[in-house]
Amino acid sequence: MTDVVTLKYWYNFDGEHEIVEKQALVIAPSTVVTANGECVSIEVIEKTDENGIATDWQTIANVILPEEIVTEIDFESLKELSVAEMFRRLAAISTKKA
């Protein structure tokens, strides 16, 4: 079963550390789909700190979409779909808005 959660990530922007929150769809243990900026990504969370903030992760795939599409993604409506079907629908939305 998939869950929609909010995850926190430690980012290093030019030597400055910042916590970034992302809505995420958990698709497997330690594997999530996130939407942030112009990207929908599949990420594997490899390590979190004692506060549950992701400190080490690997991006498996990125799909670049217009930011207005990414900000409108409703993971609750996508959580019952397979990953392939979810990305197919996102691609279809992107093509219609382009």
PDB file of N, CA and C in Angstrom:
ATOM      1  N   MET A   1       0.848  -1.187   0.000  1.00  0.00           N
ATOM      2  CA  MET A   1       0.000   0.000   0.000  1.00  0.00           C
ATOM      3  C   MET A   1       0.890   1.246   0.000  1.00  0.00           C
ATOM      4  N   THR A   2       0.491   2.226  -0.726  1.00  0.00           N
ATOM      5  CA  THR A   2       1.256   3.460  -0.800  1.00  0.00           C
ATOM      6  C   THR A   2       0.664   4.494   0.146  1.00  0.00           C
ATOM      7  N   ASP A   3       1.538   5.338   0.668  1.00  0.00           N
ATOM      8  CA  ASP A   3       1.126   6.412   1.559  1.00  0.00           C
ATOM      9  C   ASP A   3       1.661   7.728   1.033  1.00  0.00           C
ATOM     10  N   VAL A   4       0.945   8.789   1.302  1.00  0.00           N
ATOM     11  CA  VAL A   4       1.409  10.132   0.989  1.00  0.00           C
ATOM     12  C   VAL A   4       1.946  10.731   2.286  1.00  0.00           C
ATOM     13  N   VAL A   5       3.191  11.193   2.240  1.00  0.00           N
ATOM     14  CA  VAL A   5       3.847  11.734   3.431  1.00  0.00           C
ATOM     15  C   VAL A   5       4.568  13.030   3.070  1.00  0.00           C
ATOM     16  N   THR A   6       4.981  13.762   4.083  1.00  0.00           N
ATOM     17  CA  THR A   6       5.864  14.912   3.877  1.00  0.00           C
ATOM     18  C   THR A   6       7.223  14.535   4.427  1.00  0.00           C
ATOM     19  N   LEU A   7       8.235  14.617   3.575  1.00  0.00           N
ATOM     20  CA  LEU A   7       9.597  14.286   3.978  1.00  0.00           C
ATOM     21  C   LEU A   7      10.434  15.553   4.043  1.00  0.00           C
ATOM     22  N   LYS A   8      11.449  15.504   4.888  1.00  0.00           N
ATOM     23  CA  LYS A   8      12.403  16.605   4.982  1.00  0.00           C
ATOM     24  C   LYS A   8      13.763  16.102   4.505  1.00  0.00           C
ATOM     25  N   TYR A   9      14.436  16.943   3.729  1.00  0.00           N
ATOM     26  CA  TYR A   9      15.746  16.622   3.173  1.00  0.00           C
ATOM     27  C   TYR A   9      16.750  17.702   3.580  1.00  0.00           C
ATOM     28  N   TRP A  10      17.976  17.281   3.924  1.00  0.00           N
ATOM     29  CA  TRP A  10      19.065  18.233   4.144  1.00  0.00           C
ATOM     30  C   TRP A  10      19.720  18.498   2.800  1.00  0.00           C
ATOM     31  N   TYR A  11      19.681  19.743   2.348  1.00  0.00           N
ATOM     32  CA  TYR A  11      20.355  20.144   1.112  1.00  0.00           C
ATOM     33  C   TYR A  11      21.531  21.042   1.440  1.00  0.00           C
ATOM     34  N   ASN A  12      22.571  20.951   0.640  1.00  0.00           N
ATOM     35  CA  ASN A  12      23.734  21.818   0.767  1.00  0.00           C
ATOM     36  C   ASN A  12      23.752  22.709  -0.471  1.00  0.00           C
ATOM     37  N   PHE A  13      23.366  23.968  -0.312  1.00  0.00           N
ATOM     38  CA  PHE A  13      23.360  24.939  -1.399  1.00  0.00           C
ATOM     39  C   PHE A  13      24.575  25.839  -1.241  1.00  0.00           C
ATOM     40  N   ASP A  14      25.636  25.561  -2.010  1.00  0.00           N
ATOM     41  CA  ASP A  14      26.863  26.370  -1.969  1.00  0.00           C
ATOM     42  C   ASP A  14      27.384  26.543  -0.546  1.00  0.00           C
ATOM     43  N   GLY A  15      27.462  25.454   0.203  1.00  0.00           N
ATOM     44  CA  GLY A  15      27.995  25.495   1.552  1.00  0.00           C
ATOM     45  C   GLY A  15      26.982  25.851   2.630  1.00  0.00           C
ATOM     46  N   GLU A  16      25.800  26.262   2.236  1.00  0.00           N
ATOM     47  CA  GLU A  16      24.734  26.596   3.195  1.00  0.00           C
ATOM     48  C   GLU A  16      23.769  25.421   3.267  1.00  0.00           C
ATOM     49  N   HIS A  17      23.551  24.900   4.465  1.00  0.00           N
ATOM     50  CA  HIS A  17      22.626  23.785   4.642  1.00  0.00           C
ATOM     51  C   HIS A  17      21.212  24.304   4.875  1.00  0.00           C
ATOM     52  N   GLU A  18      20.279  23.638   4.231  1.00  0.00           N
ATOM     53  CA  GLU A  18      18.875  24.038   4.335  1.00  0.00           C
ATOM     54  C   GLU A  18      18.010  22.784   4.330  1.00  0.00           C
ATOM     55  N   ILE A  19      16.966  22.793   5.139  1.00  0.00           N
ATOM     56  CA  ILE A  19      16.004  21.698   5.130  1.00  0.00           C
ATOM     57  C   ILE A  19      14.906  22.050   4.128  1.00  0.00           C
ATOM     58  N   VAL A  20      14.651  21.125   3.203  1.00  0.00           N
ATOM     59  CA  VAL A  20      13.609  21.299   2.198  1.00  0.00           C
ATOM     60  C   VAL A  20      12.555  20.229   2.432  1.00  0.00           C
ATOM     61  N   GLU A  21      11.289  20.643   2.514  1.00  0.00           N
ATOM     62  CA  GLU A  21      10.183  19.695   2.662  1.00  0.00           C
ATOM     63  C   GLU A  21       9.610  19.362   1.294  1.00  0.00           C
ATOM     64  N   LYS A  22       9.306  18.083   1.105  1.00  0.00           N
ATOM     65  CA  LYS A  22       8.702  17.623  -0.143  1.00  0.00           C
ATOM     66  C   LYS A  22       7.540  16.684   0.181  1.00  0.00           C
ATOM     67  N   GLN A  23       6.458  16.835  -0.563  1.00  0.00           N
ATOM     68  CA  GLN A  23       5.395  15.839  -0.478  1.00  0.00           C
ATOM     69  C   GLN A  23       5.909  14.615  -1.227  1.00  0.00           C
ATOM     70  N   ALA A  24       5.639  13.448  -0.687  1.00  0.00           N
ATOM     71  CA  ALA A  24       6.155  12.227  -1.295  1.00  0.00           C
ATOM     72  C   ALA A  24       5.115  11.125  -1.265  1.00  0.00           C
ATOM     73  N   LEU A  25       5.170  10.312  -2.285  1.00  0.00           N
ATOM     74  CA  LEU A  25       4.333   9.126  -2.385  1.00  0.00           C
ATOM     75  C   LEU A  25       5.255   7.927  -2.170  1.00  0.00           C
ATOM     76  N   VAL A  26       5.066   7.195  -1.077  1.00  0.00           N
ATOM     77  CA  VAL A  26       5.895   6.027  -0.774  1.00  0.00           C
ATOM     78  C   VAL A  26       5.427   4.881  -1.658  1.00  0.00           C
ATOM     79  N   ILE A  27       6.341   4.372  -2.506  1.00  0.00           N
ATOM     80  CA  ILE A  27       5.958   3.308  -3.434  1.00  0.00           C
ATOM     81  C   ILE A  27       6.590   1.968  -3.074  1.00  0.00           C
ATOM     82  N   ALA A  28       7.583   1.991  -2.207  1.00  0.00           N
ATOM     83  CA  ALA A  28       8.250   0.779  -1.710  1.00  0.00           C
ATOM     84  C   ALA A  28       9.051   1.211  -0.483  1.00  0.00           C
ATOM     85  N   PRO A  29       9.512   0.260   0.327  1.00  0.00           N
ATOM     86  CA  PRO A  29      10.311   0.667   1.480  1.00  0.00           C
ATOM     87  C   PRO A  29      11.490   1.541   1.050  1.00  0.00           C
ATOM     88  N   SER A  30      11.609   2.716   1.634  1.00  0.00           N
ATOM     89  CA  SER A  30      12.679   3.685   1.365  1.00  0.00           C
ATOM     90  C   SER A  30      12.647   4.258  -0.054  1.00  0.00           C
ATOM     91  N   THR A  31      11.591   4.026  -0.802  1.00  0.00           N
ATOM     92  CA  THR A  31      11.507   4.527  -2.180  1.00  0.00           C
ATOM     93  C   THR A  31      10.263   5.393  -2.313  1.00  0.00           C
ATOM     94  N   VAL A  32      10.468   6.609  -2.831  1.00  0.00           N
ATOM     95  CA  VAL A  32       9.381   7.581  -2.908  1.00  0.00           C
ATOM     96  C   VAL A  32       9.362   8.260  -4.274  1.00  0.00           C
ATOM     97  N   VAL A  33       8.207   8.795  -4.591  1.00  0.00           N
ATOM     98  CA  VAL A  33       8.065   9.704  -5.728  1.00  0.00           C
ATOM     99  C   VAL A  33       7.818  11.078  -5.128  1.00  0.00           C
ATOM    100  N   THR A  34       8.609  12.073  -5.561  1.00  0.00           N
ATOM    101  CA  THR A  34       8.455  13.434  -5.049  1.00  0.00           C
ATOM    102  C   THR A  34       8.202  14.386  -6.202  1.00  0.00           C
ATOM    103  N   ALA A  35       7.638  15.533  -5.860  1.00  0.00           N
ATOM    104  CA  ALA A  35       7.409  16.598  -6.833  1.00  0.00           C
ATOM    105  C   ALA A  35       7.937  17.891  -6.214  1.00  0.00           C
ATOM    106  N   ASN A  36       8.889  18.501  -6.895  1.00  0.00           N
ATOM    107  CA  ASN A  36       9.497  19.704  -6.352  1.00  0.00           C
ATOM    108  C   ASN A  36      10.043  20.547  -7.508  1.00  0.00           C
ATOM    109  N   GLY A  37       9.694  21.826  -7.517  1.00  0.00           N
ATOM    110  CA  GLY A  37      10.175  22.699  -8.598  1.00  0.00           C
ATOM    111  C   GLY A  37       9.612  22.256  -9.932  1.00  0.00           C
ATOM    112  N   GLU A  38      10.501  21.892 -10.850  1.00  0.00           N
ATOM    113  CA  GLU A  38      10.088  21.423 -12.174  1.00  0.00           C
ATOM    114  C   GLU A  38      10.295  19.929 -12.344  1.00  0.00           C
ATOM    115  N   CYS A  39      10.436  19.198 -11.239  1.00  0.00           N
ATOM    116  CA  CYS A  39      10.796  17.785 -11.310  1.00  0.00           C
ATOM    117  C   CYS A  39       9.839  16.886 -10.555  1.00  0.00           C
ATOM    118  N   VAL A  40       9.529  15.777 -11.172  1.00  0.00           N
ATOM    119  CA  VAL A  40       8.915  14.652 -10.478  1.00  0.00           C
ATOM    120  C   VAL A  40      10.010  13.584 -10.470  1.00  0.00           C
ATOM    121  N   SER A  41      10.345  13.094  -9.281  1.00  0.00           N
ATOM    122  CA  SER A  41      11.496  12.203  -9.142  1.00  0.00           C
ATOM    123  C   SER A  41      11.140  10.933  -8.401  1.00  0.00           C
ATOM    124  N   ILE A  42      11.856   9.865  -8.737  1.00  0.00           N
ATOM    125  CA  ILE A  42      11.845   8.645  -7.941  1.00  0.00           C
ATOM    126  C   ILE A  42      13.151   8.668  -7.162  1.00  0.00           C
ATOM    127  N   GLU A  43      13.036   8.569  -5.834  1.00  0.00           N
ATOM    128  CA  GLU A  43      14.210   8.656  -4.975  1.00  0.00           C
ATOM    129  C   GLU A  43      14.241   7.495  -3.989  1.00  0.00           C
ATOM    130  N   VAL A  44      15.441   7.016  -3.702  1.00  0.00           N
ATOM    131  CA  VAL A  44      15.654   6.006  -2.671  1.00  0.00           C
ATOM    132  C   VAL A  44      16.327   6.713  -1.501  1.00  0.00           C
ATOM    133  N   ILE A  45      15.674   6.690  -0.353  1.00  0.00           N
ATOM    134  CA  ILE A  45      16.212   7.299   0.856  1.00  0.00           C
ATOM    135  C   ILE A  45      17.174   6.288   1.484  1.00  0.00           C
ATOM    136  N   GLU A  46      18.461   6.621   1.496  1.00  0.00           N
ATOM    137  CA  GLU A  46      19.463   5.689   2.006  1.00  0.00           C
ATOM    138  C   GLU A  46      19.796   5.913   3.476  1.00  0.00           C
ATOM    139  N   LYS A  47      19.651   7.164   3.955  1.00  0.00           N
ATOM    140  CA  LYS A  47      20.007   7.443   5.344  1.00  0.00           C
ATOM    141  C   LYS A  47      19.222   8.646   5.837  1.00  0.00           C
ATOM    142  N   THR A  48      18.757   8.563   7.089  1.00  0.00           N
ATOM    143  CA  THR A  48      18.112   9.696   7.744  1.00  0.00           C
ATOM    144  C   THR A  48      18.822   9.949   9.066  1.00  0.00           C
ATOM    145  N   ASP A  49      18.702  11.186   9.563  1.00  0.00           N
ATOM    146  CA  ASP A  49      19.307  11.485  10.861  1.00  0.00           C
ATOM    147  C   ASP A  49      18.329  11.117  11.972  1.00  0.00           C
ATOM    148  N   GLU A  50      18.705  11.436  13.212  1.00  0.00           N
ATOM    149  CA  GLU A  50      17.875  11.066  14.370  1.00  0.00           C
ATOM    150  C   GLU A  50      16.519  11.755  14.373  1.00  0.00           C
ATOM    151  N   ASN A  51      16.351  12.822  13.569  1.00  0.00           N
ATOM    152  CA  ASN A  51      15.074  13.531  13.469  1.00  0.00           C
ATOM    153  C   ASN A  51      14.248  13.101  12.254  1.00  0.00           C
ATOM    154  N   GLY A  52      14.720  12.085  11.553  1.00  0.00           N
ATOM    155  CA  GLY A  52      13.994  11.588  10.390  1.00  0.00           C
ATOM    156  C   GLY A  52      14.213  12.404   9.130  1.00  0.00           C
ATOM    157  N   ILE A  53      15.203  13.296   9.134  1.00  0.00           N
ATOM    158  CA  ILE A  53      15.494  14.120   7.952  1.00  0.00           C
ATOM    159  C   ILE A  53      16.439  13.340   7.049  1.00  0.00           C
ATOM    160  N   ALA A  54      16.085  13.242   5.765  1.00  0.00           N
ATOM    161  CA  ALA A  54      16.925  12.522   4.802  1.00  0.00           C
ATOM    162  C   ALA A  54      18.259  13.242   4.638  1.00  0.00           C
ATOM    163  N   THR A  55      19.333  12.512   4.876  1.00  0.00           N
ATOM    164  CA  THR A  55      20.667  13.074   4.727  1.00  0.00           C
ATOM    165  C   THR A  55      21.417  12.470   3.550  1.00  0.00           C
ATOM    166  N   ASP A  56      20.962  11.314   3.100  1.00  0.00           N
ATOM    167  CA  ASP A  56      21.595  10.646   1.962  1.00  0.00           C
ATOM    168  C   ASP A  56      20.501   9.955   1.165  1.00  0.00           C
ATOM    169  N   TRP A  57      20.399  10.290  -0.104  1.00  0.00           N
ATOM    170  CA  TRP A  57      19.405   9.683  -0.979  1.00  0.00           C
ATOM    171  C   TRP A  57      19.954   9.626  -2.382  1.00  0.00           C
ATOM    172  N   GLN A  58      19.331   8.795  -3.187  1.00  0.00           N
ATOM    173  CA  GLN A  58      19.747   8.635  -4.572  1.00  0.00           C
ATOM    174  C   GLN A  58      18.536   8.859  -5.458  1.00  0.00           C
ATOM    175  N   THR A  59      18.686   9.739  -6.431  1.00  0.00           N
ATOM    176  CA  THR A  59      17.617   9.965  -7.391  1.00  0.00           C
ATOM    177  C   THR A  59      17.754   8.932  -8.500  1.00  0.00           C
ATOM    178  N   ILE A  60      16.698   8.153  -8.687  1.00  0.00           N
ATOM    179  CA  ILE A  60      16.705   7.086  -9.690  1.00  0.00           C
ATOM    180  C   ILE A  60      16.266   7.615 -11.052  1.00  0.00           C
ATOM    181  N   ALA A  61      15.257   8.500 -11.041  1.00  0.00           N
ATOM    182  CA  ALA A  61      14.738   9.052 -12.297  1.00  0.00           C
ATOM    183  C   ALA A  61      14.125  10.421 -12.036  1.00  0.00           C
ATOM    184  N   ASN A  62      14.264  11.298 -12.992  1.00  0.00           N
ATOM    185  CA  ASN A  62      13.631  12.620 -12.965  1.00  0.00           C
ATOM    186  C   ASN A  62      12.794  12.792 -14.217  1.00  0.00           C
ATOM    187  N   VAL A  63      11.641  13.374 -14.059  1.00  0.00           N
ATOM    188  CA  VAL A  63      10.825  13.792 -15.192  1.00  0.00           C
ATOM    189  C   VAL A  63      10.667  15.303 -15.059  1.00  0.00           C
ATOM    190  N   ILE A  64      11.154  16.030 -16.052  1.00  0.00           N
ATOM    191  CA  ILE A  64      11.068  17.487 -16.034  1.00  0.00           C
ATOM    192  C   ILE A  64       9.728  17.897 -16.636  1.00  0.00           C
ATOM    193  N   LEU A  65       8.971  18.674 -15.876  1.00  0.00           N
ATOM    194  CA  LEU A  65       7.661  19.163 -16.307  1.00  0.00           C
ATOM    195  C   LEU A  65       7.575  20.649 -15.989  1.00  0.00           C
ATOM    196  N   PRO A  66       6.684  21.376 -16.639  1.00  0.00           N
ATOM    197  CA  PRO A  66       6.489  22.773 -16.247  1.00  0.00           C
ATOM    198  C   PRO A  66       6.091  22.859 -14.776  1.00  0.00           C
ATOM    199  N   GLU A  67       6.627  23.849 -14.083  1.00  0.00           N
ATOM    200  CA  GLU A  67       6.393  23.981 -12.640  1.00  0.00           C
ATOM    201  C   GLU A  67       4.905  24.070 -12.312  1.00  0.00           C
ATOM    202  N   GLU A  68       4.111  24.690 -13.177  1.00  0.00           N
ATOM    203  CA  GLU A  68       2.674  24.795 -12.893  1.00  0.00           C
ATOM    204  C   GLU A  68       2.002  23.421 -12.867  1.00  0.00           C
ATOM    205  N   ILE A  69       2.547  22.460 -13.579  1.00  0.00           N
ATOM    206  CA  ILE A  69       2.008  21.095 -13.536  1.00  0.00           C
ATOM    207  C   ILE A  69       2.471  20.411 -12.247  1.00  0.00           C
ATOM    208  N   VAL A  70       3.750  20.556 -11.928  1.00  0.00           N
ATOM    209  CA  VAL A  70       4.304  19.907 -10.735  1.00  0.00           C
ATOM    210  C   VAL A  70       3.586  20.387  -9.480  1.00  0.00           C
ATOM    211  N   THR A  71       3.316  21.677  -9.380  1.00  0.00           N
ATOM    212  CA  THR A  71       2.672  22.201  -8.172  1.00  0.00           C
ATOM    213  C   THR A  71       1.224  21.740  -8.040  1.00  0.00           C
ATOM    214  N   GLU A  72       0.609  21.288  -9.127  1.00  0.00           N
ATOM    215  CA  GLU A  72      -0.783  20.828  -9.091  1.00  0.00           C
ATOM    216  C   GLU A  72      -0.922  19.329  -8.861  1.00  0.00           C
ATOM    217  N   ILE A  73       0.186  18.610  -8.767  1.00  0.00           N
ATOM    218  CA  ILE A  73       0.121  17.155  -8.600  1.00  0.00           C
ATOM    219  C   ILE A  73      -0.515  16.810  -7.261  1.00  0.00           C
ATOM    220  N   ASP A  74      -1.508  15.944  -7.324  1.00  0.00           N
ATOM    221  CA  ASP A  74      -2.212  15.480  -6.132  1.00  0.00           C
ATOM    222  C   ASP A  74      -1.865  14.003  -5.934  1.00  0.00           C
ATOM    223  N   PHE A  75      -0.912  13.737  -5.044  1.00  0.00           N
ATOM    224  CA  PHE A  75      -0.480  12.360  -4.832  1.00  0.00           C
ATOM    225  C   PHE A  75      -1.589  11.477  -4.284  1.00  0.00           C
ATOM    226  N   GLU A  76      -2.522  12.060  -3.554  1.00  0.00           N
ATOM    227  CA  GLU A  76      -3.648  11.260  -3.045  1.00  0.00           C
ATOM    228  C   GLU A  76      -4.414  10.614  -4.194  1.00  0.00           C
ATOM    229  N   SER A  77      -4.579  11.341  -5.297  1.00  0.00           N
ATOM    230  CA  SER A  77      -5.321  10.796  -6.433  1.00  0.00           C
ATOM    231  C   SER A  77      -4.490   9.808  -7.249  1.00  0.00           C
ATOM    232  N   LEU A  78      -3.176   9.799  -7.034  1.00  0.00           N
ATOM    233  CA  LEU A  78      -2.293   8.917  -7.802  1.00  0.00           C
ATOM    234  C   LEU A  78      -1.861   7.668  -7.037  1.00  0.00           C
ATOM    235  N   LYS A  79      -2.132   7.620  -5.733  1.00  0.00           N
ATOM    236  CA  LYS A  79      -1.531   6.571  -4.912  1.00  0.00           C
ATOM    237  C   LYS A  79      -2.000   5.155  -5.210  1.00  0.00           C
ATOM    238  N   GLU A  80      -3.118   4.998  -5.863  1.00  0.00           N
ATOM    239  CA  GLU A  80      -3.589   3.648  -6.191  1.00  0.00           C
ATOM    240  C   GLU A  80      -3.072   3.157  -7.546  1.00  0.00           C
ATOM    241  N   LEU A  81      -2.345   4.025  -8.273  1.00  0.00           N
ATOM    242  CA  LEU A  81      -1.839   3.670  -9.598  1.00  0.00           C
ATOM    243  C   LEU A  81      -0.475   3.003  -9.509  1.00  0.00           C
ATOM    244  N   SER A  82      -0.124   2.244 -10.541  1.00  0.00           N
ATOM    245  CA  SER A  82       1.253   1.749 -10.637  1.00  0.00           C
ATOM    246  C   SER A  82       2.145   2.939 -10.973  1.00  0.00           C
ATOM    247  N   VAL A  83       3.429   2.797 -10.726  1.00  0.00           N
ATOM    248  CA  VAL A  83       4.371   3.876 -11.047  1.00  0.00           C
ATOM    249  C   VAL A  83       4.343   4.164 -12.542  1.00  0.00           C
ATOM    250  N   ALA A  84       4.302   3.131 -13.363  1.00  0.00           N
ATOM    251  CA  ALA A  84       4.263   3.332 -14.814  1.00  0.00           C
ATOM    252  C   ALA A  84       3.015   4.110 -15.228  1.00  0.00           C
ATOM    253  N   GLU A  85       1.865   3.755 -14.675  1.00  0.00           N
ATOM    254  CA  GLU A  85       0.626   4.458 -15.018  1.00  0.00           C
ATOM    255  C   GLU A  85       0.666   5.901 -14.524  1.00  0.00           C
ATOM    256  N   MET A  86       1.240   6.123 -13.340  1.00  0.00           N
ATOM    257  CA  MET A  86       1.337   7.480 -12.811  1.00  0.00           C
ATOM    258  C   MET A  86       2.163   8.354 -13.755  1.00  0.00           C
ATOM    259  N   PHE A  87       3.317   7.875 -14.190  1.00  0.00           N
ATOM    260  CA  PHE A  87       4.148   8.671 -15.086  1.00  0.00           C
ATOM    261  C   PHE A  87       3.512   8.816 -16.464  1.00  0.00           C
ATOM    262  N   ARG A  88       2.762   7.817 -16.915  1.00  0.00           N
ATOM    263  CA  ARG A  88       2.051   7.945 -18.182  1.00  0.00           C
ATOM    264  C   ARG A  88       1.039   9.078 -18.102  1.00  0.00           C
ATOM    265  N   ARG A  89       0.315   9.149 -16.995  1.00  0.00           N
ATOM    266  CA  ARG A  89      -0.676  10.223 -16.824  1.00  0.00           C
ATOM    267  C   ARG A  89      -0.009  11.590 -16.714  1.00  0.00           C
ATOM    268  N   LEU A  90       1.107  11.668 -16.005  1.00  0.00           N
ATOM    269  CA  LEU A  90       1.829  12.939 -15.920  1.00  0.00           C
ATOM    270  C   LEU A  90       2.321  13.393 -17.296  1.00  0.00           C
ATOM    271  N   ALA A  91       2.805  12.430 -18.097  1.00  0.00           N
ATOM    272  CA  ALA A  91       3.253  12.765 -19.446  1.00  0.00           C
ATOM    273  C   ALA A  91       2.079  13.252 -20.295  1.00  0.00           C
ATOM    274  N   ALA A  92       0.932  12.616 -20.154  1.00  0.00           N
ATOM    275  CA  ALA A  92      -0.246  13.031 -20.909  1.00  0.00           C
ATOM    276  C   ALA A  92      -0.676  14.460 -20.513  1.00  0.00           C
ATOM    277  N   ILE A  93      -0.626  14.777 -19.224  1.00  0.00           N
ATOM    278  CA  ILE A  93      -0.961  16.118 -18.770  1.00  0.00           C
ATOM    279  C   ILE A  93       0.024  17.125 -19.347  1.00  0.00           C
ATOM    280  N   SER A  94       1.303  16.785 -19.320  1.00  0.00           N
ATOM    281  CA  SER A  94       2.337  17.680 -19.826  1.00  0.00           C
ATOM    282  C   SER A  94       2.144  17.957 -21.306  1.00  0.00           C
ATOM    283  N   THR A  95       1.808  16.937 -22.075  1.00  0.00           N
ATOM    284  CA  THR A  95       1.610  17.094 -23.515  1.00  0.00           C
ATOM    285  C   THR A  95       0.419  17.983 -23.805  1.00  0.00           C
ATOM    286  N   LYS A  96      -0.651  17.861 -23.038  1.00  0.00           N
ATOM    287  CA  LYS A  96      -1.845  18.684 -23.258  1.00  0.00           C
ATOM    288  C   LYS A  96      -1.593  20.154 -22.924  1.00  0.00           C
ATOM    289  N   LYS A  97      -0.736  20.430 -21.894  1.00  0.00           N
ATOM    290  CA  LYS A  97      -0.489  21.788 -21.478  1.00  0.00           C
ATOM    291  C   LYS A  97       0.614  22.459 -22.288  1.00  0.00           C
ATOM    292  N   ALA A  98       1.379  21.673 -23.022  1.00  0.00           N
ATOM    293  CA  ALA A  98       2.519  22.233 -23.786  1.00  0.00           C
ATOM    294  C   ALA A  98       2.045  22.972 -25.013  1.00  0.00           C
TER     295      ALA A  98
END
